[in-house]
Amino acid sequence: LSWIRRRLRAIILHQWKTTKKLNRVLRRTGWKEKV
């Protein structure tokens, strides 16, 4: 199950293409550092 979730995360990251959306999502969760 953990491996399957990881594969789904890989799809989502690939669809986001750049870290711009990733960082935007992280900021909403309270993440402080830029990735």
PDB file of all heavy atoms in Angstrom:
ATOM      1  N   LEU A   1       0.822  -1.200   0.000  1.00  0.00           N
ATOM      2  CA  LEU A   1       0.000   0.000   0.000  1.00  0.00           C
ATOM      3  C   LEU A   1       0.862   1.257   0.000  1.00  0.00           C
ATOM      4  O   LEU A   1       0.575   2.229  -0.716  1.00  0.00           O
ATOM      5  CB  LEU A   1      -0.940  -0.002   1.211  1.00  0.00           C
ATOM      6  CG  LEU A   1      -1.931   1.157   1.309  1.00  0.00           C
ATOM      7  CD1 LEU A   1      -2.849   1.191   0.093  1.00  0.00           C
ATOM      8  CD2 LEU A   1      -2.760   1.042   2.594  1.00  0.00           C
ATOM      9  N   SER A   2       1.934   1.233   0.783  1.00  0.00           N
ATOM     10  CA  SER A   2       2.856   2.369   0.829  1.00  0.00           C
ATOM     11  C   SER A   2       3.498   2.596  -0.540  1.00  0.00           C
ATOM     12  O   SER A   2       3.635   3.733  -0.999  1.00  0.00           O
ATOM     13  CB  SER A   2       3.927   2.116   1.891  1.00  0.00           C
ATOM     14  OG  SER A   2       4.865   3.162   1.924  1.00  0.00           O
ATOM     15  N   TRP A   3       3.876   1.509  -1.197  1.00  0.00           N
ATOM     16  CA  TRP A   3       4.489   1.588  -2.532  1.00  0.00           C
ATOM     17  C   TRP A   3       3.500   2.143  -3.570  1.00  0.00           C
ATOM     18  O   TRP A   3       3.864   2.958  -4.416  1.00  0.00           O
ATOM     19  CB  TRP A   3       4.974   0.193  -2.932  1.00  0.00           C
ATOM     20  CG  TRP A   3       5.448   0.068  -4.343  1.00  0.00           C
ATOM     21  CD1 TRP A   3       6.596   0.567  -4.877  1.00  0.00           C
ATOM     22  CD2 TRP A   3       4.783  -0.630  -5.408  1.00  0.00           C
ATOM     23  NE1 TRP A   3       6.692   0.236  -6.203  1.00  0.00           N
ATOM     24  CE2 TRP A   3       5.603  -0.508  -6.553  1.00  0.00           C
ATOM     25  CE3 TRP A   3       3.598  -1.353  -5.491  1.00  0.00           C
ATOM     26  CZ2 TRP A   3       5.247  -1.076  -7.775  1.00  0.00           C
ATOM     27  CZ3 TRP A   3       3.240  -1.922  -6.706  1.00  0.00           C
ATOM     28  CH2 TRP A   3       4.061  -1.769  -7.833  1.00  0.00           C
ATOM     29  N   ILE A   4       2.249   1.731  -3.478  1.00  0.00           N
ATOM     30  CA  ILE A   4       1.212   2.210  -4.397  1.00  0.00           C
ATOM     31  C   ILE A   4       0.979   3.712  -4.198  1.00  0.00           C
ATOM     32  O   ILE A   4       0.865   4.468  -5.164  1.00  0.00           O
ATOM     33  CB  ILE A   4      -0.088   1.410  -4.205  1.00  0.00           C
ATOM     34  CG1 ILE A   4       0.109  -0.017  -4.724  1.00  0.00           C
ATOM     35  CG2 ILE A   4      -1.257   2.078  -4.942  1.00  0.00           C
ATOM     36  CD1 ILE A   4      -0.938  -0.993  -4.237  1.00  0.00           C
ATOM     37  N   ARG A   5       0.903   4.134  -2.957  1.00  0.00           N
ATOM     38  CA  ARG A   5       0.753   5.568  -2.680  1.00  0.00           C
ATOM     39  C   ARG A   5       1.926   6.350  -3.264  1.00  0.00           C
ATOM     40  O   ARG A   5       1.747   7.441  -3.821  1.00  0.00           O
ATOM     41  CB  ARG A   5       0.672   5.805  -1.172  1.00  0.00           C
ATOM     42  CG  ARG A   5      -0.617   5.341  -0.506  1.00  0.00           C
ATOM     43  CD  ARG A   5      -0.639   5.858   0.904  1.00  0.00           C
ATOM     44  NE  ARG A   5      -1.710   5.302   1.729  1.00  0.00           N
ATOM     45  CZ  ARG A   5      -1.505   4.554   2.799  1.00  0.00           C
ATOM     46  NH1 ARG A   5      -0.270   4.253   3.192  1.00  0.00           N
ATOM     47  NH2 ARG A   5      -2.539   4.085   3.482  1.00  0.00           N
ATOM     48  N   ARG A   6       3.124   5.807  -3.140  1.00  0.00           N
ATOM     49  CA  ARG A   6       4.297   6.482  -3.675  1.00  0.00           C
ATOM     50  C   ARG A   6       4.200   6.624  -5.194  1.00  0.00           C
ATOM     51  O   ARG A   6       4.529   7.677  -5.749  1.00  0.00           O
ATOM     52  CB  ARG A   6       5.575   5.741  -3.299  1.00  0.00           C
ATOM     53  CG  ARG A   6       6.839   6.451  -3.776  1.00  0.00           C
ATOM     54  CD  ARG A   6       8.109   5.729  -3.374  1.00  0.00           C
ATOM     55  NE  ARG A   6       9.269   6.412  -3.935  1.00  0.00           N
ATOM     56  CZ  ARG A   6      10.526   5.989  -3.826  1.00  0.00           C
ATOM     57  NH1 ARG A   6      10.783   4.871  -3.137  1.00  0.00           N
ATOM     58  NH2 ARG A   6      11.519   6.674  -4.395  1.00  0.00           N
ATOM     59  N   ARG A   7       3.730   5.590  -5.866  1.00  0.00           N
ATOM     60  CA  ARG A   7       3.577   5.655  -7.317  1.00  0.00           C
ATOM     61  C   ARG A   7       2.537   6.713  -7.705  1.00  0.00           C
ATOM     62  O   ARG A   7       2.698   7.420  -8.699  1.00  0.00           O
ATOM     63  CB  ARG A   7       3.194   4.282  -7.869  1.00  0.00           C
ATOM     64  CG  ARG A   7       4.314   3.257  -7.779  1.00  0.00           C
ATOM     65  CD  ARG A   7       4.028   2.021  -8.616  1.00  0.00           C
ATOM     66  NE  ARG A   7       3.974   2.316 -10.042  1.00  0.00           N
ATOM     67  CZ  ARG A   7       5.018   2.404 -10.840  1.00  0.00           C
ATOM     68  NH1 ARG A   7       6.222   2.225 -10.368  1.00  0.00           N
ATOM     69  NH2 ARG A   7       4.866   2.672 -12.126  1.00  0.00           N
ATOM     70  N   LEU A   8       1.489   6.828  -6.923  1.00  0.00           N
ATOM     71  CA  LEU A   8       0.481   7.852  -7.194  1.00  0.00           C
ATOM     72  C   LEU A   8       1.044   9.253  -6.949  1.00  0.00           C
ATOM     73  O   LEU A   8       0.739  10.196  -7.691  1.00  0.00           O
ATOM     74  CB  LEU A   8      -0.761   7.606  -6.337  1.00  0.00           C
ATOM     75  CG  LEU A   8      -1.558   6.332  -6.681  1.00  0.00           C
ATOM     76  CD1 LEU A   8      -2.637   6.080  -5.634  1.00  0.00           C
ATOM     77  CD2 LEU A   8      -2.187   6.420  -8.066  1.00  0.00           C
ATOM     78  N   ARG A   9       1.865   9.393  -5.910  1.00  0.00           N
ATOM     79  CA  ARG A   9       2.533  10.677  -5.662  1.00  0.00           C
ATOM     80  C   ARG A   9       3.435  11.049  -6.834  1.00  0.00           C
ATOM     81  O   ARG A   9       3.511  12.222  -7.233  1.00  0.00           O
ATOM     82  CB  ARG A   9       3.346  10.606  -4.369  1.00  0.00           C
ATOM     83  CG  ARG A   9       2.519  10.655  -3.105  1.00  0.00           C
ATOM     84  CD  ARG A   9       3.389  10.824  -1.853  1.00  0.00           C
ATOM     85  NE  ARG A   9       2.553  10.753  -0.649  1.00  0.00           N
ATOM     86  CZ  ARG A   9       2.399   9.671   0.089  1.00  0.00           C
ATOM     87  NH1 ARG A   9       3.052   8.535  -0.237  1.00  0.00           N
ATOM     88  NH2 ARG A   9       1.600   9.683   1.140  1.00  0.00           N
ATOM     89  N   ALA A  10       4.127  10.063  -7.389  1.00  0.00           N
ATOM     90  CA  ALA A  10       5.015  10.309  -8.535  1.00  0.00           C
ATOM     91  C   ALA A  10       4.223  10.832  -9.731  1.00  0.00           C
ATOM     92  O   ALA A  10       4.691  11.716 -10.462  1.00  0.00           O
ATOM     93  CB  ALA A  10       5.764   9.028  -8.904  1.00  0.00           C
ATOM     94  N   ILE A  11       3.019  10.297  -9.939  1.00  0.00           N
ATOM     95  CA  ILE A  11       2.155  10.765 -11.032  1.00  0.00           C
ATOM     96  C   ILE A  11       1.768  12.226 -10.809  1.00  0.00           C
ATOM     97  O   ILE A  11       1.831  13.048 -11.724  1.00  0.00           O
ATOM     98  CB  ILE A  11       0.892   9.886 -11.140  1.00  0.00           C
ATOM     99  CG1 ILE A  11       1.262   8.464 -11.569  1.00  0.00           C
ATOM    100  CG2 ILE A  11      -0.098  10.496 -12.143  1.00  0.00           C
ATOM    101  CD1 ILE A  11       0.102   7.484 -11.484  1.00  0.00           C
ATOM    102  N   ILE A  12       1.365  12.541  -9.579  1.00  0.00           N
ATOM    103  CA  ILE A  12       0.938  13.906  -9.253  1.00  0.00           C
ATOM    104  C   ILE A  12       2.085  14.893  -9.444  1.00  0.00           C
ATOM    105  O   ILE A  12       1.915  15.958 -10.053  1.00  0.00           O
ATOM    106  CB  ILE A  12       0.385  13.971  -7.806  1.00  0.00           C
ATOM    107  CG1 ILE A  12      -0.896  13.141  -7.703  1.00  0.00           C
ATOM    108  CG2 ILE A  12       0.121  15.421  -7.395  1.00  0.00           C
ATOM    109  CD1 ILE A  12      -1.382  12.933  -6.283  1.00  0.00           C
ATOM    110  N   LEU A  13       3.275  14.554  -8.949  1.00  0.00           N
ATOM    111  CA  LEU A  13       4.436  15.429  -9.115  1.00  0.00           C
ATOM    112  C   LEU A  13       4.749  15.648 -10.581  1.00  0.00           C
ATOM    113  O   LEU A  13       5.079  16.756 -11.008  1.00  0.00           O
ATOM    114  CB  LEU A  13       5.655  14.849  -8.383  1.00  0.00           C
ATOM    115  CG  LEU A  13       5.589  14.800  -6.847  1.00  0.00           C
ATOM    116  CD1 LEU A  13       6.854  14.153  -6.285  1.00  0.00           C
ATOM    117  CD2 LEU A  13       5.412  16.192  -6.252  1.00  0.00           C
ATOM    118  N   HIS A  14       4.676  14.574 -11.362  1.00  0.00           N
ATOM    119  CA  HIS A  14       4.939  14.669 -12.794  1.00  0.00           C
ATOM    120  C   HIS A  14       3.923  15.581 -13.467  1.00  0.00           C
ATOM    121  O   HIS A  14       4.275  16.359 -14.371  1.00  0.00           O
ATOM    122  CB  HIS A  14       4.899  13.277 -13.413  1.00  0.00           C
ATOM    123  CG  HIS A  14       5.403  13.224 -14.825  1.00  0.00           C
ATOM    124  ND1 HIS A  14       4.577  13.416 -15.911  1.00  0.00           N
ATOM    125  CD2 HIS A  14       6.653  13.026 -15.324  1.00  0.00           C
ATOM    126  CE1 HIS A  14       5.297  13.321 -17.020  1.00  0.00           C
ATOM    127  NE2 HIS A  14       6.552  13.072 -16.697  1.00  0.00           N
ATOM    128  N   GLN A  15       2.664  15.506 -13.040  1.00  0.00           N
ATOM    129  CA  GLN A  15       1.621  16.354 -13.617  1.00  0.00           C
ATOM    130  C   GLN A  15       1.786  17.818 -13.206  1.00  0.00           C
ATOM    131  O   GLN A  15       1.434  18.719 -13.963  1.00  0.00           O
ATOM    132  CB  GLN A  15       0.247  15.824 -13.213  1.00  0.00           C
ATOM    133  CG  GLN A  15      -0.125  14.508 -13.879  1.00  0.00           C
ATOM    134  CD  GLN A  15      -1.469  13.957 -13.419  1.00  0.00           C
ATOM    135  OE1 GLN A  15      -2.077  14.472 -12.482  1.00  0.00           O
ATOM    136  NE2 GLN A  15      -1.950  12.910 -14.078  1.00  0.00           N
ATOM    137  N   TRP A  16       2.315  18.053 -12.014  1.00  0.00           N
ATOM    138  CA  TRP A  16       2.587  19.426 -11.579  1.00  0.00           C
ATOM    139  C   TRP A  16       3.739  20.051 -12.357  1.00  0.00           C
ATOM    140  O   TRP A  16       3.853  21.263 -12.438  1.00  0.00           O
ATOM    141  CB  TRP A  16       2.896  19.459 -10.080  1.00  0.00           C
ATOM    142  CG  TRP A  16       1.675  19.256  -9.215  1.00  0.00           C
ATOM    143  CD1 TRP A  16       0.374  19.181  -9.633  1.00  0.00           C
ATOM    144  CD2 TRP A  16       1.642  19.083  -7.795  1.00  0.00           C
ATOM    145  NE1 TRP A  16      -0.462  18.991  -8.571  1.00  0.00           N
ATOM    146  CE2 TRP A  16       0.288  18.927  -7.422  1.00  0.00           C
ATOM    147  CE3 TRP A  16       2.618  19.044  -6.795  1.00  0.00           C
ATOM    148  CZ2 TRP A  16      -0.105  18.735  -6.093  1.00  0.00           C
ATOM    149  CZ3 TRP A  16       2.228  18.849  -5.471  1.00  0.00           C
ATOM    150  CH2 TRP A  16       0.880  18.698  -5.132  1.00  0.00           C
ATOM    151  N   LYS A  17       4.641  19.257 -12.864  1.00  0.00           N
ATOM    152  CA  LYS A  17       5.755  19.644 -13.735  1.00  0.00           C
ATOM    153  C   LYS A  17       6.857  20.436 -13.026  1.00  0.00           C
ATOM    154  O   LYS A  17       8.033  20.107 -13.116  1.00  0.00           O
ATOM    155  CB  LYS A  17       5.256  20.426 -14.954  1.00  0.00           C
ATOM    156  CG  LYS A  17       4.368  19.583 -15.867  1.00  0.00           C
ATOM    157  CD  LYS A  17       3.918  20.362 -17.079  1.00  0.00           C
ATOM    158  CE  LYS A  17       3.033  19.488 -17.967  1.00  0.00           C
ATOM    159  NZ  LYS A  17       2.546  20.230 -19.137  1.00  0.00           N
ATOM    160  N   THR A  18       6.514  21.530 -12.373  1.00  0.00           N
ATOM    161  CA  THR A  18       7.514  22.342 -11.675  1.00  0.00           C
ATOM    162  C   THR A  18       7.209  22.389 -10.190  1.00  0.00           C
ATOM    163  O   THR A  18       6.124  21.987  -9.749  1.00  0.00           O
ATOM    164  CB  THR A  18       7.544  23.776 -12.224  1.00  0.00           C
ATOM    165  OG1 THR A  18       6.331  24.458 -11.868  1.00  0.00           O
ATOM    166  CG2 THR A  18       7.702  23.779 -13.745  1.00  0.00           C
ATOM    167  N   THR A  19       8.173  22.904  -9.439  1.00  0.00           N
ATOM    168  CA  THR A  19       7.995  22.987  -7.982  1.00  0.00           C
ATOM    169  C   THR A  19       7.086  24.136  -7.571  1.00  0.00           C
ATOM    170  O   THR A  19       6.779  24.282  -6.386  1.00  0.00           O
ATOM    171  CB  THR A  19       9.365  23.142  -7.291  1.00  0.00           C
ATOM    172  OG1 THR A  19      10.027  24.303  -7.819  1.00  0.00           O
ATOM    173  CG2 THR A  19      10.215  21.902  -7.490  1.00  0.00           C
ATOM    174  N   LYS A  20       6.676  24.944  -8.544  1.00  0.00           N
ATOM    175  CA  LYS A  20       5.851  26.106  -8.207  1.00  0.00           C
ATOM    176  C   LYS A  20       4.566  25.689  -7.493  1.00  0.00           C
ATOM    177  O   LYS A  20       4.229  26.223  -6.434  1.00  0.00           O
ATOM    178  CB  LYS A  20       5.528  26.897  -9.479  1.00  0.00           C
ATOM    179  CG  LYS A  20       4.794  28.211  -9.214  1.00  0.00           C
ATOM    180  CD  LYS A  20       4.585  28.961 -10.533  1.00  0.00           C
ATOM    181  CE  LYS A  20       3.833  30.279 -10.262  1.00  0.00           C
ATOM    182  NZ  LYS A  20       3.622  31.044 -11.528  1.00  0.00           N
ATOM    183  N   LYS A  21       3.845  24.710  -8.069  1.00  0.00           N
ATOM    184  CA  LYS A  21       2.604  24.271  -7.446  1.00  0.00           C
ATOM    185  C   LYS A  21       2.884  23.514  -6.153  1.00  0.00           C
ATOM    186  O   LYS A  21       2.147  23.652  -5.174  1.00  0.00           O
ATOM    187  CB  LYS A  21       1.788  23.393  -8.395  1.00  0.00           C
ATOM    188  CG  LYS A  21       0.429  23.018  -7.814  1.00  0.00           C
ATOM    189  CD  LYS A  21      -0.480  22.378  -8.821  1.00  0.00           C
ATOM    190  CE  LYS A  21      -1.844  22.075  -8.195  1.00  0.00           C
ATOM    191  NZ  LYS A  21      -2.776  21.481  -9.173  1.00  0.00           N
ATOM    192  N   LEU A  22       3.938  22.721  -6.144  1.00  0.00           N
ATOM    193  CA  LEU A  22       4.317  21.984  -4.944  1.00  0.00           C
ATOM    194  C   LEU A  22       4.528  22.935  -3.775  1.00  0.00           C
ATOM    195  O   LEU A  22       4.008  22.720  -2.675  1.00  0.00           O
ATOM    196  CB  LEU A  22       5.579  21.164  -5.199  1.00  0.00           C
ATOM    197  CG  LEU A  22       6.205  20.475  -3.970  1.00  0.00           C
ATOM    198  CD1 LEU A  22       5.252  19.440  -3.368  1.00  0.00           C
ATOM    199  CD2 LEU A  22       7.538  19.810  -4.341  1.00  0.00           C
ATOM    200  N   ASN A  23       5.293  24.003  -4.017  1.00  0.00           N
ATOM    201  CA  ASN A  23       5.564  24.966  -2.948  1.00  0.00           C
ATOM    202  C   ASN A  23       4.291  25.699  -2.503  1.00  0.00           C
ATOM    203  O   ASN A  23       4.133  26.013  -1.315  1.00  0.00           O
ATOM    204  CB  ASN A  23       6.629  25.958  -3.394  1.00  0.00           C
ATOM    205  CG  ASN A  23       8.040  25.371  -3.293  1.00  0.00           C
ATOM    206  OD1 ASN A  23       8.489  24.992  -2.221  1.00  0.00           O
ATOM    207  ND2 ASN A  23       8.730  25.284  -4.424  1.00  0.00           N
ATOM    208  N   ARG A  24       3.417  25.943  -3.454  1.00  0.00           N
ATOM    209  CA  ARG A  24       2.155  26.607  -3.115  1.00  0.00           C
ATOM    210  C   ARG A  24       1.321  25.718  -2.181  1.00  0.00           C
ATOM    211  O   ARG A  24       0.751  26.184  -1.188  1.00  0.00           O
ATOM    212  CB  ARG A  24       1.377  26.931  -4.386  1.00  0.00           C
ATOM    213  CG  ARG A  24       0.180  27.849  -4.148  1.00  0.00           C
ATOM    214  CD  ARG A  24      -0.335  28.484  -5.432  1.00  0.00           C
ATOM    215  NE  ARG A  24      -0.807  27.502  -6.387  1.00  0.00           N
ATOM    216  CZ  ARG A  24      -0.257  27.319  -7.586  1.00  0.00           C
ATOM    217  NH1 ARG A  24       0.805  28.046  -7.961  1.00  0.00           N
ATOM    218  NH2 ARG A  24      -0.745  26.409  -8.410  1.00  0.00           N
ATOM    219  N   VAL A  25       1.251  24.423  -2.498  1.00  0.00           N
ATOM    220  CA  VAL A  25       0.524  23.468  -1.660  1.00  0.00           C
ATOM    221  C   VAL A  25       1.173  23.360  -0.282  1.00  0.00           C
ATOM    222  O   VAL A  25       0.490  23.319   0.750  1.00  0.00           O
ATOM    223  CB  VAL A  25       0.460  22.085  -2.341  1.00  0.00           C
ATOM    224  CG1 VAL A  25      -0.119  21.036  -1.395  1.00  0.00           C
ATOM    225  CG2 VAL A  25      -0.346  22.143  -3.628  1.00  0.00           C
ATOM    226  N   LEU A  26       2.509  23.323  -0.267  1.00  0.00           N
ATOM    227  CA  LEU A  26       3.231  23.203   1.003  1.00  0.00           C
ATOM    228  C   LEU A  26       2.989  24.407   1.907  1.00  0.00           C
ATOM    229  O   LEU A  26       2.838  24.263   3.126  1.00  0.00           O
ATOM    230  CB  LEU A  26       4.730  23.026   0.728  1.00  0.00           C
ATOM    231  CG  LEU A  26       5.158  21.645   0.209  1.00  0.00           C
ATOM    232  CD1 LEU A  26       6.618  21.667  -0.225  1.00  0.00           C
ATOM    233  CD2 LEU A  26       4.952  20.563   1.267  1.00  0.00           C
ATOM    234  N   ARG A  27       2.955  25.593   1.305  1.00  0.00           N
ATOM    235  CA  ARG A  27       2.722  26.794   2.105  1.00  0.00           C
ATOM    236  C   ARG A  27       1.350  26.745   2.787  1.00  0.00           C
ATOM    237  O   ARG A  27       1.207  27.171   3.940  1.00  0.00           O
ATOM    238  CB  ARG A  27       2.828  28.042   1.221  1.00  0.00           C
ATOM    239  CG  ARG A  27       4.257  28.460   0.913  1.00  0.00           C
ATOM    240  CD  ARG A  27       4.337  29.892   0.391  1.00  0.00           C
ATOM    241  NE  ARG A  27       3.565  30.081  -0.832  1.00  0.00           N
ATOM    242  CZ  ARG A  27       4.054  29.858  -2.063  1.00  0.00           C
ATOM    243  NH1 ARG A  27       5.317  29.427  -2.227  1.00  0.00           N
ATOM    244  NH2 ARG A  27       3.286  30.072  -3.125  1.00  0.00           N
ATOM    245  N   ARG A  28       0.360  26.197   2.075  1.00  0.00           N
ATOM    246  CA  ARG A  28      -0.987  26.099   2.652  1.00  0.00           C
ATOM    247  C   ARG A  28      -1.022  25.153   3.848  1.00  0.00           C
ATOM    248  O   ARG A  28      -1.881  25.263   4.716  1.00  0.00           O
ATOM    249  CB  ARG A  28      -1.989  25.631   1.597  1.00  0.00           C
ATOM    250  CG  ARG A  28      -2.335  26.697   0.565  1.00  0.00           C
ATOM    251  CD  ARG A  28      -3.670  26.411  -0.107  1.00  0.00           C
ATOM    252  NE  ARG A  28      -3.669  25.158  -0.842  1.00  0.00           N
ATOM    253  CZ  ARG A  28      -3.426  25.069  -2.158  1.00  0.00           C
ATOM    254  NH1 ARG A  28      -3.170  26.173  -2.870  1.00  0.00           N
ATOM    255  NH2 ARG A  28      -3.448  23.908  -2.752  1.00  0.00           N
ATOM    256  N   THR A  29      -0.089  24.205   3.885  1.00  0.00           N
ATOM    257  CA  THR A  29      -0.043  23.242   4.994  1.00  0.00           C
ATOM    258  C   THR A  29       0.833  23.714   6.150  1.00  0.00           C
ATOM    259  O   THR A  29       0.942  23.018   7.158  1.00  0.00           O
ATOM    260  CB  THR A  29       0.473  21.882   4.497  1.00  0.00           C
ATOM    261  OG1 THR A  29       1.822  22.020   4.019  1.00  0.00           O
ATOM    262  CG2 THR A  29      -0.411  21.331   3.394  1.00  0.00           C
ATOM    263  N   GLY A  30       1.473  24.873   5.981  1.00  0.00           N
ATOM    264  CA  GLY A  30       2.317  25.404   7.041  1.00  0.00           C
ATOM    265  C   GLY A  30       3.791  25.103   6.859  1.00  0.00           C
ATOM    266  O   GLY A  30       4.609  25.408   7.736  1.00  0.00           O
ATOM    267  N   TRP A  31       4.146  24.541   5.712  1.00  0.00           N
ATOM    268  CA  TRP A  31       5.561  24.249   5.410  1.00  0.00           C
ATOM    269  C   TRP A  31       6.302  25.576   5.209  1.00  0.00           C
ATOM    270  O   TRP A  31       5.833  26.442   4.472  1.00  0.00           O
ATOM    271  CB  TRP A  31       5.622  23.387   4.145  1.00  0.00           C
ATOM    272  CG  TRP A  31       6.994  22.906   3.766  1.00  0.00           C
ATOM    273  CD1 TRP A  31       7.935  23.597   3.083  1.00  0.00           C
ATOM    274  CD2 TRP A  31       7.574  21.626   4.015  1.00  0.00           C
ATOM    275  NE1 TRP A  31       9.063  22.847   2.889  1.00  0.00           N
ATOM    276  CE2 TRP A  31       8.870  21.614   3.458  1.00  0.00           C
ATOM    277  CE3 TRP A  31       7.135  20.487   4.663  1.00  0.00           C
ATOM    278  CZ2 TRP A  31       9.715  20.523   3.515  1.00  0.00           C
ATOM    279  CZ3 TRP A  31       7.979  19.382   4.720  1.00  0.00           C
ATOM    280  CH2 TRP A  31       9.244  19.402   4.160  1.00  0.00           C
ATOM    281  N   LYS A  32       7.472  25.735   5.839  1.00  0.00           N
ATOM    282  CA  LYS A  32       8.174  27.019   5.838  1.00  0.00           C
ATOM    283  C   LYS A  32       9.206  27.147   4.724  1.00  0.00           C
ATOM    284  O   LYS A  32       9.365  28.217   4.130  1.00  0.00           O
ATOM    285  CB  LYS A  32       8.864  27.232   7.194  1.00  0.00           C
ATOM    286  CG  LYS A  32       7.934  27.179   8.404  1.00  0.00           C
ATOM    287  CD  LYS A  32       6.921  28.303   8.390  1.00  0.00           C
ATOM    288  CE  LYS A  32       6.061  28.284   9.662  1.00  0.00           C
ATOM    289  NZ  LYS A  32       5.007  29.327   9.605  1.00  0.00           N
ATOM    290  N   GLU A  33       9.930  26.081   4.430  1.00  0.00           N
ATOM    291  CA  GLU A  33      11.057  26.148   3.506  1.00  0.00           C
ATOM    292  C   GLU A  33      10.626  25.999   2.051  1.00  0.00           C
ATOM    293  O   GLU A  33       9.661  25.286   1.752  1.00  0.00           O
ATOM    294  CB  GLU A  33      12.070  25.056   3.841  1.00  0.00           C
ATOM    295  CG  GLU A  33      12.631  25.136   5.262  1.00  0.00           C
ATOM    296  CD  GLU A  33      13.497  23.933   5.591  1.00  0.00           C
ATOM    297  OE1 GLU A  33      13.740  23.110   4.682  1.00  0.00           O
ATOM    298  OE2 GLU A  33      13.923  23.796   6.752  1.00  0.00           O
ATOM    299  N   LYS A  34      11.331  26.655   1.154  1.00  0.00           N
ATOM    300  CA  LYS A  34      11.112  26.490  -0.270  1.00  0.00           C
ATOM    301  C   LYS A  34      11.807  25.214  -0.743  1.00  0.00           C
ATOM    302  O   LYS A  34      12.940  24.935  -0.380  1.00  0.00           O
ATOM    303  CB  LYS A  34      11.647  27.693  -1.039  1.00  0.00           C
ATOM    304  CG  LYS A  34      11.281  27.677  -2.528  1.00  0.00           C
ATOM    305  CD  LYS A  34      11.736  28.955  -3.215  1.00  0.00           C
ATOM    306  CE  LYS A  34      11.342  28.920  -4.686  1.00  0.00           C
ATOM    307  NZ  LYS A  34      11.749  30.145  -5.406  1.00  0.00           N
ATOM    308  N   VAL A  35      11.106  24.435  -1.570  1.00  0.00           N
ATOM    309  CA  VAL A  35      11.618  23.134  -2.008  1.00  0.00           C
ATOM    310  C   VAL A  35      12.079  23.222  -3.457  1.00  0.00           C
ATOM    311  O   VAL A  35      11.366  23.751  -4.320  1.00  0.00           O
ATOM    312  CB  VAL A  35      10.537  22.046  -1.861  1.00  0.00           C
ATOM    313  CG1 VAL A  35      11.034  20.723  -2.446  1.00  0.00           C
ATOM    314  CG2 VAL A  35      10.166  21.873  -0.403  1.00  0.00           C
TER     315      VAL A  35
END
